[in-house]
C-alpha atoms as a PDB file:
ATOM      1  CA  MET A   1     -15.929 -13.414  -8.376  1.00  0.00           C
ATOM      2  CA  ALA A   2     -12.463 -11.919  -6.839  1.00  0.00           C
ATOM      3  CA  VAL A   3      -9.549 -13.809  -7.838  1.00  0.00           C
ATOM      4  CA  LYS A   4      -6.021 -13.305  -6.983  1.00  0.00           C
ATOM      5  CA  ILE A   5      -3.073 -12.845  -8.740  1.00  0.00           C
ATOM      6  CA  PHE A   6      -0.159 -15.058  -8.436  1.00  0.00           C
ATOM      7  CA  THR A   7       3.008 -15.903 -10.419  1.00  0.00           C
ATOM      8  CA  ASN A   8       3.141 -19.405 -12.019  1.00  0.00           C
ATOM      9  CA  ILE A   9       6.409 -21.008 -11.871  1.00  0.00           C
ATOM     10  CA  PHE A  10       5.644 -23.344 -15.153  1.00  0.00           C
ATOM     11  CA  LYS A  11       7.244 -21.133 -18.520  1.00  0.00           C
ATOM     12  CA  GLY A  12       5.253 -22.750 -20.800  1.00  0.00           C
ATOM     13  CA  ASN A  13       1.993 -20.588 -20.854  1.00  0.00           C
ATOM     14  CA  ALA A  14       1.648 -17.327 -22.619  1.00  0.00           C
ATOM     15  CA  THR A  15       2.080 -15.449 -19.484  1.00  0.00           C
ATOM     16  CA  ASP A  16       3.590 -16.278 -15.928  1.00  0.00           C
ATOM     17  CA  SER A  17       0.188 -14.790 -14.370  1.00  0.00           C
ATOM     18  CA  VAL A  18      -2.549 -17.005 -12.560  1.00  0.00           C
ATOM     19  CA  ALA A  19      -5.478 -15.839 -11.087  1.00  0.00           C
ATOM     20  CA  ILE A  20      -6.962 -18.653  -8.526  1.00  0.00           C
ATOM     21  CA  ASN A  21     -10.499 -17.937  -7.176  1.00  0.00           C
ATOM     22  CA  PRO A  22      -9.537 -18.506  -3.071  1.00  0.00           C
ATOM     23  CA  THR A  23     -12.733 -20.043  -2.651  1.00  0.00           C
ATOM     24  CA  HIS A  24     -11.760 -22.539  -4.348  1.00  0.00           C
ATOM     25  CA  VAL A  25      -8.706 -23.488  -2.536  1.00  0.00           C
ATOM     26  CA  VAL A  26      -8.261 -26.600  -0.543  1.00  0.00           C
ATOM     27  CA  SER A  27      -5.092 -26.766   0.662  1.00  0.00           C
ATOM     28  CA  VAL A  28      -1.052 -24.532   0.498  1.00  0.00           C
ATOM     29  CA  TRP A  29       1.958 -26.038   1.135  1.00  0.00           C
ATOM     30  CA  GLU A  30       5.647 -25.830   0.408  1.00  0.00           C
ATOM     31  CA  GLY A  31       7.953 -28.269  -1.766  1.00  0.00           C
ATOM     32  CA  ILE A  32      10.582 -28.257  -3.694  1.00  0.00           C
ATOM     33  CA  GLN A  33      11.572 -28.565  -6.927  1.00  0.00           C
ATOM     34  CA  VAL A  34      14.776 -29.730  -8.736  1.00  0.00           C
ATOM     35  CA  SER A  35      15.852 -28.040 -11.899  1.00  0.00           C
ATOM     36  CA  GLU A  36      17.254 -30.176 -14.764  1.00  0.00           C
ATOM     37  CA  THR A  37      20.935 -28.664 -13.592  1.00  0.00           C
ATOM     38  CA  ASN A  38      20.099 -30.104  -9.980  1.00  0.00           C
ATOM     39  CA  GLU A  39      19.604 -26.954  -8.726  1.00  0.00           C
ATOM     40  CA  VAL A  40      16.716 -26.972  -5.086  1.00  0.00           C
ATOM     41  CA  ALA A  41      13.983 -24.044  -5.166  1.00  0.00           C
ATOM     42  CA  THR A  42      11.498 -23.920  -3.016  1.00  0.00           C
ATOM     43  CA  VAL A  43       7.459 -23.483  -4.524  1.00  0.00           C
ATOM     44  CA  THR A  44       4.520 -22.587  -3.395  1.00  0.00           C
ATOM     45  CA  CYS A  45       1.775 -25.044  -3.953  1.00  0.00           C
ATOM     46  CA  LEU A  46      -2.028 -24.821  -4.214  1.00  0.00           C
ATOM     47  CA  PHE A  47      -4.797 -27.493  -4.088  1.00  0.00           C
ATOM     48  CA  THR A  48      -8.306 -26.873  -5.804  1.00  0.00           C
ATOM     49  CA  ILE A  49     -11.697 -28.225  -5.013  1.00  0.00           C
ATOM     50  CA  THR A  50     -11.283 -29.097  -8.853  1.00  0.00           C
ATOM     51  CA  GLY A  51      -8.163 -31.209  -8.294  1.00  0.00           C
ATOM     52  CA  GLN A  52      -5.670 -28.942 -10.043  1.00  0.00           C
ATOM     53  CA  THR A  53      -2.547 -28.621  -8.408  1.00  0.00           C
ATOM     54  CA  PHE A  54      -0.803 -25.051  -8.796  1.00  0.00           C
ATOM     55  CA  GLN A  55       3.065 -24.601  -8.444  1.00  0.00           C
ATOM     56  CA  LEU A  56       4.081 -20.529  -7.854  1.00  0.00           C
ATOM     57  CA  GLU A  57       6.860 -18.636  -7.566  1.00  0.00           C
ATOM     58  CA  ASP A  58       5.334 -16.774  -4.500  1.00  0.00           C
ATOM     59  CA  THR A  59       5.815 -17.210  -0.956  1.00  0.00           C
ATOM     60  CA  TYR A  60       4.102 -19.483   1.181  1.00  0.00           C
ATOM     61  CA  LEU A  61       3.519 -16.334   3.324  1.00  0.00           C
ATOM     62  CA  GLU A  62       2.626 -14.156   0.438  1.00  0.00           C
ATOM     63  CA  VAL A  63       0.279 -16.663  -0.996  1.00  0.00           C
ATOM     64  CA  VAL A  64      -2.040 -17.058   2.672  1.00  0.00           C
ATOM     65  CA  ALA A  65      -1.972 -13.234   3.124  1.00  0.00           C
ATOM     66  CA  ARG A  66      -3.205 -12.694   0.114  1.00  0.00           C
ATOM     67  CA  LEU A  67      -5.671 -15.663   0.064  1.00  0.00           C
ATOM     68  CA  ASN A  68      -6.774 -14.376   3.127  1.00  0.00           C
ATOM     69  CA  GLU A  69      -7.455 -11.015   1.534  1.00  0.00           C
ATOM     70  CA  VAL A  70     -10.873  -9.184   1.719  1.00  0.00           C
END
C-alpha cells in the first residue's frame, strides 16, 4: 500500500500529517473554512470510499498532483 502524506488542517491530533491511500480517494475539491475570528481560508478536501472527509492545508493542485504520482 503506497500512501501519500498531506498536512491535516485539524489541529487536535498528535501530529499535523495524515497518510492517505490514493486508491481510496473518490473526489477532491476546494472549500473555505471560517475561523472563530471570521478569517476565511481556502482548504482542500478529500472524500474517501469509507465516507471520511479530510481537510488539508496543501493546495488543490498539490494534492491532485501527488495523488496522480506513480
